[in-house]
Amino acid sequence: MTLYLVHGNTWFEGYGYDEHVFGVFTTLVQAEEAKIVVEKRLQEKIENNSCIYAKDPEDVKLDILEVKADKLIDVYLGGYVE
């Protein structure tokens, strides 16, 4: 079975990177729909918060990682915050 992991950076308050997972889905269609919903929420957060350095909603970029269920993997999703 293939699973689809929706993930991305949610750190918009200066230098840094803070990776979050937003869901694991069994179809690519579900993952793409969830990605759109979360990207819109994050874009609204940027637009409505004066403390956030990133002012361009296009800074929100989430990814979909395709993984095989019941298989051992080692995927670095990353992250750092200064």
C-alpha atoms as a PDB file:
ATOM      1  CA  MET A   1       0.000   0.000   0.000  1.00  0.00           C
ATOM      2  CA  THR A   2       1.225   3.486  -0.828  1.00  0.00           C
ATOM      3  CA  LEU A   3       0.714   6.292   1.678  1.00  0.00           C
ATOM      4  CA  TYR A   4       0.974  10.026   1.075  1.00  0.00           C
ATOM      5  CA  LEU A   5       2.460  12.241   3.788  1.00  0.00           C
ATOM      6  CA  VAL A   6       1.564  15.955   3.643  1.00  0.00           C
ATOM      7  CA  HIS A   7       4.318  18.006   5.300  1.00  0.00           C
ATOM      8  CA  GLY A   8       6.124  21.326   5.199  1.00  0.00           C
ATOM      9  CA  ASN A   9       7.786  24.266   6.892  1.00  0.00           C
ATOM     10  CA  THR A  10       5.639  26.337   9.261  1.00  0.00           C
ATOM     11  CA  TRP A  11       8.294  28.740  10.604  1.00  0.00           C
ATOM     12  CA  PHE A  12       7.641  32.258   9.300  1.00  0.00           C
ATOM     13  CA  GLU A  13       9.040  34.347  12.175  1.00  0.00           C
ATOM     14  CA  GLY A  14      12.612  34.901  10.987  1.00  0.00           C
ATOM     15  CA  TYR A  15      15.434  32.545  10.218  1.00  0.00           C
ATOM     16  CA  GLY A  16      14.651  28.920  10.745  1.00  0.00           C
ATOM     17  CA  TYR A  17      12.756  25.898   9.603  1.00  0.00           C
ATOM     18  CA  ASP A  18      10.113  23.983  11.529  1.00  0.00           C
ATOM     19  CA  GLU A  19       8.813  20.906   9.731  1.00  0.00           C
ATOM     20  CA  HIS A  20       5.282  19.685  10.474  1.00  0.00           C
ATOM     21  CA  VAL A  21       3.268  16.699   9.280  1.00  0.00           C
ATOM     22  CA  PHE A  22      -0.349  17.522   8.432  1.00  0.00           C
ATOM     23  CA  GLY A  23      -1.652  14.098   7.583  1.00  0.00           C
ATOM     24  CA  VAL A  24      -1.077  10.684   6.087  1.00  0.00           C
ATOM     25  CA  PHE A  25      -3.499   9.673   3.349  1.00  0.00           C
ATOM     26  CA  THR A  26      -4.184   6.553   1.342  1.00  0.00           C
ATOM     27  CA  THR A  27      -4.808   8.352  -1.964  1.00  0.00           C
ATOM     28  CA  LEU A  28      -2.949  11.097  -3.735  1.00  0.00           C
ATOM     29  CA  VAL A  29      -6.237  12.945  -4.318  1.00  0.00           C
ATOM     30  CA  GLN A  30      -6.920  13.142  -0.570  1.00  0.00           C
ATOM     31  CA  ALA A  31      -3.370  14.324   0.085  1.00  0.00           C
ATOM     32  CA  GLU A  32      -3.597  17.036  -2.578  1.00  0.00           C
ATOM     33  CA  GLU A  33      -6.918  18.275  -1.159  1.00  0.00           C
ATOM     34  CA  ALA A  34      -5.492  18.405   2.363  1.00  0.00           C
ATOM     35  CA  LYS A  35      -2.393  20.215   1.103  1.00  0.00           C
ATOM     36  CA  ILE A  36      -4.553  22.944  -0.443  1.00  0.00           C
ATOM     37  CA  VAL A  37      -6.568  23.405   2.775  1.00  0.00           C
ATOM     38  CA  VAL A  38      -3.471  23.642   4.978  1.00  0.00           C
ATOM     39  CA  GLU A  39      -1.662  25.988   2.586  1.00  0.00           C
ATOM     40  CA  LYS A  40      -4.643  28.361   2.653  1.00  0.00           C
ATOM     41  CA  ARG A  41      -4.709  28.288   6.474  1.00  0.00           C
ATOM     42  CA  LEU A  42      -1.001  29.039   6.665  1.00  0.00           C
ATOM     43  CA  GLN A  43      -1.332  31.833   4.105  1.00  0.00           C
ATOM     44  CA  GLU A  44      -4.098  33.414   6.204  1.00  0.00           C
ATOM     45  CA  LYS A  45      -1.850  33.153   9.259  1.00  0.00           C
ATOM     46  CA  ILE A  46       0.871  35.072   7.419  1.00  0.00           C
ATOM     47  CA  GLU A  47      -1.529  37.746   6.187  1.00  0.00           C
ATOM     48  CA  ASN A  48      -3.134  38.291   9.615  1.00  0.00           C
ATOM     49  CA  ASN A  49      -0.076  38.331  11.883  1.00  0.00           C
ATOM     50  CA  SER A  50       2.151  41.411  11.959  1.00  0.00           C
ATOM     51  CA  CYS A  51       4.872  39.530  13.888  1.00  0.00           C
ATOM     52  CA  ILE A  52       5.552  37.190  10.992  1.00  0.00           C
ATOM     53  CA  TYR A  53       8.494  38.210   8.812  1.00  0.00           C
ATOM     54  CA  ALA A  54       7.308  36.350   5.741  1.00  0.00           C
ATOM     55  CA  LYS A  55       4.739  38.608   4.116  1.00  0.00           C
ATOM     56  CA  ASP A  56       4.247  36.742   0.874  1.00  0.00           C
ATOM     57  CA  PRO A  57       1.627  33.967   1.073  1.00  0.00           C
ATOM     58  CA  GLU A  58       3.589  32.262  -1.689  1.00  0.00           C
ATOM     59  CA  ASP A  59       6.218  31.469   0.968  1.00  0.00           C
ATOM     60  CA  VAL A  60       3.949  28.605   2.063  1.00  0.00           C
ATOM     61  CA  LYS A  61       5.118  25.503   0.243  1.00  0.00           C
ATOM     62  CA  LEU A  62       4.022  22.081   1.402  1.00  0.00           C
ATOM     63  CA  ASP A  63       5.109  18.777  -0.069  1.00  0.00           C
ATOM     64  CA  ILE A  64       3.594  15.342  -0.492  1.00  0.00           C
ATOM     65  CA  LEU A  65       5.919  12.442   0.232  1.00  0.00           C
ATOM     66  CA  GLU A  66       4.944   9.070  -1.217  1.00  0.00           C
ATOM     67  CA  VAL A  67       5.959   6.123   0.969  1.00  0.00           C
ATOM     68  CA  LYS A  68       5.252   2.406   0.911  1.00  0.00           C
ATOM     69  CA  ALA A  69       3.460   1.068   3.983  1.00  0.00           C
ATOM     70  CA  ASP A  70       5.216  -1.560   6.091  1.00  0.00           C
ATOM     71  CA  LYS A  71       8.621  -0.693   4.605  1.00  0.00           C
ATOM     72  CA  LEU A  72      11.570   0.625   6.575  1.00  0.00           C
ATOM     73  CA  ILE A  73      12.589   4.084   5.353  1.00  0.00           C
ATOM     74  CA  ASP A  74      14.851   6.882   6.555  1.00  0.00           C
ATOM     75  CA  VAL A  75      13.645  10.276   5.350  1.00  0.00           C
ATOM     76  CA  TYR A  76      14.999  13.475   6.920  1.00  0.00           C
ATOM     77  CA  LEU A  77      12.218  16.043   7.004  1.00  0.00           C
ATOM     78  CA  GLY A  78      14.520  18.703   8.405  1.00  0.00           C
ATOM     79  CA  GLY A  79      14.216  21.584  10.765  1.00  0.00           C
ATOM     80  CA  TYR A  80      16.087  24.303  12.627  1.00  0.00           C
ATOM     81  CA  VAL A  81      15.096  27.475  14.414  1.00  0.00           C
ATOM     82  CA  GLU A  82      17.376  30.337  15.434  1.00  0.00           C
END
